[in-house]
Amino acid sequence: MPRIEVDINKCVGCRSCELACSYHHRKLFLPEISSIQVHFDYQYNVNVLISDSCDCLEDPPCLAVCPTKAIRLDLDYHNLNKL
């Protein structure tokens, strides 16, 4: 099963992915309801979390809007915990 991966070294924390995800699912620009969440620590380092509930693995809107191409779809991912 494919999964979405984020290259933290490329992510600039613009949060466009959150807006695209929330709009795609609920027609609202509301990052709080997005399946992808961008967080910053106290030193402004970026951390991106992707919910297990993400079901946009055919054509993820977050991938299309990422300005740095930090988001990619890993088609060869195999989660051994779910076997």
N, C-alpha and C. Protein backbone atom coordinates (compact mmCIF):
# COMPACT_ATOMS: atom_id res chain seq x y z
N MET A 1 0.84 -1.18 0.00
CA MET A 1 0.00 0.00 0.00
C MET A 1 0.88 1.24 0.00
N PRO A 2 0.60 2.20 -0.86
CA PRO A 2 1.41 3.42 -0.90
C PRO A 2 1.23 4.27 0.35
N ARG A 3 2.17 5.15 0.58
CA ARG A 3 2.04 6.11 1.67
C ARG A 3 2.72 7.42 1.28
N ILE A 4 2.31 8.48 1.96
CA ILE A 4 2.88 9.80 1.73
C ILE A 4 4.09 9.98 2.63
N GLU A 5 5.18 10.49 2.05
CA GLU A 5 6.39 10.76 2.82
C GLU A 5 6.77 12.23 2.63
N VAL A 6 7.39 12.78 3.67
CA VAL A 6 7.82 14.19 3.63
C VAL A 6 9.31 14.26 3.91
N ASP A 7 10.03 14.96 3.04
CA ASP A 7 11.46 15.20 3.26
C ASP A 7 11.58 16.47 4.10
N ILE A 8 11.86 16.29 5.37
CA ILE A 8 11.94 17.42 6.32
C ILE A 8 13.02 18.42 5.91
N ASN A 9 14.05 17.96 5.22
CA ASN A 9 15.12 18.87 4.79
C ASN A 9 14.67 19.81 3.69
N LYS A 10 13.59 19.45 2.98
CA LYS A 10 13.07 20.32 1.92
C LYS A 10 11.88 21.16 2.38
N CYS A 11 11.17 20.69 3.40
CA CYS A 11 9.96 21.38 3.87
C CYS A 11 10.31 22.72 4.49
N VAL A 12 9.61 23.77 4.06
CA VAL A 12 9.84 25.12 4.59
C VAL A 12 8.76 25.53 5.58
N GLY A 13 7.80 24.65 5.82
CA GLY A 13 6.75 24.93 6.80
C GLY A 13 5.69 25.90 6.34
N CYS A 14 5.43 25.97 5.05
CA CYS A 14 4.44 26.93 4.53
C CYS A 14 3.00 26.54 4.85
N ARG A 15 2.76 25.27 5.13
CA ARG A 15 1.47 24.72 5.52
C ARG A 15 0.44 24.70 4.37
N SER A 16 0.90 24.85 3.14
CA SER A 16 0.00 24.74 1.98
C SER A 16 -0.62 23.36 1.92
N CYS A 17 0.12 22.36 2.32
CA CYS A 17 -0.39 20.98 2.30
C CYS A 17 -1.59 20.83 3.22
N GLU A 18 -1.56 21.47 4.38
CA GLU A 18 -2.69 21.40 5.32
C GLU A 18 -3.94 22.02 4.70
N LEU A 19 -3.78 23.16 4.06
CA LEU A 19 -4.92 23.84 3.44
C LEU A 19 -5.50 23.02 2.29
N ALA A 20 -4.62 22.45 1.47
CA ALA A 20 -5.09 21.64 0.33
C ALA A 20 -5.84 20.41 0.82
N CYS A 21 -5.34 19.78 1.86
CA CYS A 21 -5.97 18.58 2.40
C CYS A 21 -7.35 18.90 2.99
N SER A 22 -7.40 19.91 3.81
CA SER A 22 -8.69 20.23 4.44
C SER A 22 -9.72 20.68 3.41
N TYR A 23 -9.29 21.41 2.40
CA TYR A 23 -10.24 21.84 1.36
C TYR A 23 -10.72 20.64 0.53
N HIS A 24 -9.81 19.74 0.22
CA HIS A 24 -10.16 18.56 -0.57
C HIS A 24 -11.23 17.72 0.12
N HIS A 25 -11.09 17.53 1.43
CA HIS A 25 -12.00 16.66 2.16
C HIS A 25 -13.28 17.34 2.63
N ARG A 26 -13.18 18.60 3.06
CA ARG A 26 -14.35 19.25 3.68
C ARG A 26 -14.75 20.57 3.04
N LYS A 27 -14.04 20.96 2.00
CA LYS A 27 -14.30 22.24 1.33
C LYS A 27 -14.14 23.42 2.29
N LEU A 28 -13.21 23.28 3.23
CA LEU A 28 -12.88 24.34 4.18
C LEU A 28 -11.37 24.50 4.24
N PHE A 29 -10.90 25.72 4.30
CA PHE A 29 -9.48 25.97 4.52
C PHE A 29 -9.25 26.02 6.03
N LEU A 30 -9.11 24.86 6.63
CA LEU A 30 -9.02 24.75 8.07
C LEU A 30 -7.94 23.72 8.43
N PRO A 31 -6.71 24.17 8.64
CA PRO A 31 -5.61 23.25 8.89
C PRO A 31 -5.84 22.27 10.04
N GLU A 32 -6.65 22.65 11.00
CA GLU A 32 -6.89 21.78 12.16
C GLU A 32 -7.55 20.46 11.79
N ILE A 33 -8.25 20.41 10.67
CA ILE A 33 -8.93 19.17 10.28
C ILE A 33 -8.17 18.41 9.19
N SER A 34 -7.00 18.85 8.86
CA SER A 34 -6.20 18.23 7.82
C SER A 34 -5.59 16.92 8.30
N SER A 35 -5.40 15.98 7.39
CA SER A 35 -4.73 14.71 7.71
C SER A 35 -3.22 14.86 7.78
N ILE A 36 -2.71 15.97 7.27
CA ILE A 36 -1.28 16.26 7.36
C ILE A 36 -1.12 17.50 8.24
N GLN A 37 -0.24 17.43 9.20
CA GLN A 37 -0.06 18.52 10.17
C GLN A 37 1.40 18.95 10.22
N VAL A 38 1.62 20.24 10.08
CA VAL A 38 2.97 20.81 10.16
C VAL A 38 3.13 21.45 11.53
N HIS A 39 4.17 21.07 12.23
CA HIS A 39 4.43 21.61 13.57
C HIS A 39 5.85 22.18 13.62
N PHE A 40 6.04 23.13 14.52
CA PHE A 40 7.34 23.72 14.73
C PHE A 40 7.73 23.55 16.20
N ASP A 41 9.00 23.24 16.45
CA ASP A 41 9.43 23.18 17.85
C ASP A 41 9.87 24.59 18.28
N TYR A 42 10.38 24.70 19.47
CA TYR A 42 10.73 26.02 20.01
C TYR A 42 11.86 26.70 19.25
N GLN A 43 12.61 25.94 18.43
CA GLN A 43 13.68 26.52 17.62
C GLN A 43 13.26 26.63 16.15
N TYR A 44 11.97 26.51 15.89
CA TYR A 44 11.39 26.61 14.56
C TYR A 44 11.83 25.50 13.61
N ASN A 45 12.20 24.35 14.16
CA ASN A 45 12.44 23.18 13.32
C ASN A 45 11.09 22.60 12.92
N VAL A 46 11.00 22.13 11.70
CA VAL A 46 9.74 21.63 11.16
C VAL A 46 9.59 20.13 11.44
N ASN A 47 8.38 19.74 11.80
CA ASN A 47 8.02 18.33 11.94
C ASN A 47 6.66 18.16 11.27
N VAL A 48 6.53 17.14 10.44
CA VAL A 48 5.28 16.92 9.72
C VAL A 48 4.72 15.56 10.12
N LEU A 49 3.47 15.56 10.52
CA LEU A 49 2.78 14.33 10.91
C LEU A 49 1.67 14.03 9.91
N ILE A 50 1.56 12.77 9.53
CA ILE A 50 0.52 12.36 8.59
C ILE A 50 -0.35 11.33 9.30
N SER A 51 -1.61 11.63 9.38
CA SER A 51 -2.57 10.78 10.07
C SER A 51 -2.76 9.45 9.34
N ASP A 52 -3.01 8.41 10.11
CA ASP A 52 -3.33 7.10 9.51
C ASP A 52 -4.64 7.15 8.74
N SER A 53 -5.44 8.17 9.00
CA SER A 53 -6.73 8.28 8.32
C SER A 53 -6.61 8.87 6.90
N CYS A 54 -5.41 9.22 6.50
CA CYS A 54 -5.21 9.76 5.15
C CYS A 54 -5.60 8.71 4.12
N ASP A 55 -6.53 9.06 3.24
CA ASP A 55 -6.99 8.12 2.23
C ASP A 55 -6.84 8.66 0.81
N CYS A 56 -6.02 9.66 0.64
CA CYS A 56 -5.81 10.28 -0.68
C CYS A 56 -4.53 9.77 -1.31
N LEU A 57 -4.46 8.50 -1.55
CA LEU A 57 -3.22 7.94 -2.07
C LEU A 57 -3.22 7.77 -3.59
N GLU A 58 -4.29 8.15 -4.25
CA GLU A 58 -4.33 8.11 -5.71
C GLU A 58 -3.72 9.40 -6.28
N ASP A 59 -4.22 10.53 -5.79
CA ASP A 59 -3.78 11.84 -6.27
C ASP A 59 -3.82 12.82 -5.11
N PRO A 60 -2.86 12.74 -4.18
CA PRO A 60 -2.92 13.56 -2.97
C PRO A 60 -2.80 15.06 -3.28
N PRO A 61 -3.74 15.87 -2.80
CA PRO A 61 -3.68 17.30 -3.06
C PRO A 61 -2.48 17.96 -2.39
N CYS A 62 -2.01 17.42 -1.28
CA CYS A 62 -0.86 18.00 -0.60
C CYS A 62 0.39 17.92 -1.47
N LEU A 63 0.53 16.85 -2.21
CA LEU A 63 1.68 16.67 -3.09
C LEU A 63 1.69 17.73 -4.19
N ALA A 64 0.53 18.01 -4.74
CA ALA A 64 0.42 18.96 -5.86
C ALA A 64 0.75 20.39 -5.46
N VAL A 65 0.48 20.77 -4.22
CA VAL A 65 0.67 22.18 -3.83
C VAL A 65 2.00 22.46 -3.15
N CYS A 66 2.78 21.46 -2.85
CA CYS A 66 4.05 21.68 -2.13
C CYS A 66 5.04 22.43 -3.03
N PRO A 67 5.43 23.66 -2.63
CA PRO A 67 6.30 24.47 -3.49
C PRO A 67 7.74 23.96 -3.57
N THR A 68 8.16 23.15 -2.61
CA THR A 68 9.54 22.66 -2.60
C THR A 68 9.65 21.19 -2.99
N LYS A 69 8.51 20.58 -3.32
CA LYS A 69 8.47 19.16 -3.68
C LYS A 69 8.99 18.28 -2.54
N ALA A 70 8.68 18.68 -1.32
CA ALA A 70 9.11 17.91 -0.14
C ALA A 70 8.22 16.69 0.09
N ILE A 71 7.04 16.68 -0.51
CA ILE A 71 6.09 15.59 -0.31
C ILE A 71 6.14 14.66 -1.52
N ARG A 72 6.19 13.37 -1.22
CA ARG A 72 6.18 12.40 -2.31
C ARG A 72 5.33 11.20 -1.92
N LEU A 73 4.93 10.46 -2.92
CA LEU A 73 4.14 9.25 -2.72
C LEU A 73 5.06 8.05 -2.89
N ASP A 74 5.21 7.27 -1.83
CA ASP A 74 6.04 6.07 -1.87
C ASP A 74 5.13 4.90 -2.25
N LEU A 75 5.25 4.45 -3.48
CA LEU A 75 4.39 3.39 -3.99
C LEU A 75 4.83 2.00 -3.54
N ASP A 76 6.06 1.87 -3.07
CA ASP A 76 6.61 0.57 -2.68
C ASP A 76 6.58 0.31 -1.19
N TYR A 77 5.91 1.16 -0.43
CA TYR A 77 5.90 1.02 1.02
C TYR A 77 5.09 -0.19 1.46
N HIS A 78 5.65 -0.96 2.37
CA HIS A 78 4.96 -2.12 2.94
C HIS A 78 5.02 -1.99 4.45
N ASN A 79 3.88 -1.82 5.08
CA ASN A 79 3.81 -1.71 6.53
C ASN A 79 3.72 -3.11 7.11
N LEU A 80 4.81 -3.58 7.66
CA LEU A 80 4.85 -4.94 8.20
C LEU A 80 3.98 -5.11 9.44
N ASN A 81 3.66 -4.01 10.11
CA ASN A 81 2.82 -4.09 11.30
C ASN A 81 1.37 -4.42 10.95
N LYS A 82 0.98 -4.18 9.72
CA LYS A 82 -0.42 -4.42 9.33
C LYS A 82 -0.60 -5.75 8.60
N LEU A 83 0.43 -6.56 8.52
CA LEU A 83 0.31 -7.86 7.84
C LEU A 83 -0.25 -8.90 8.78
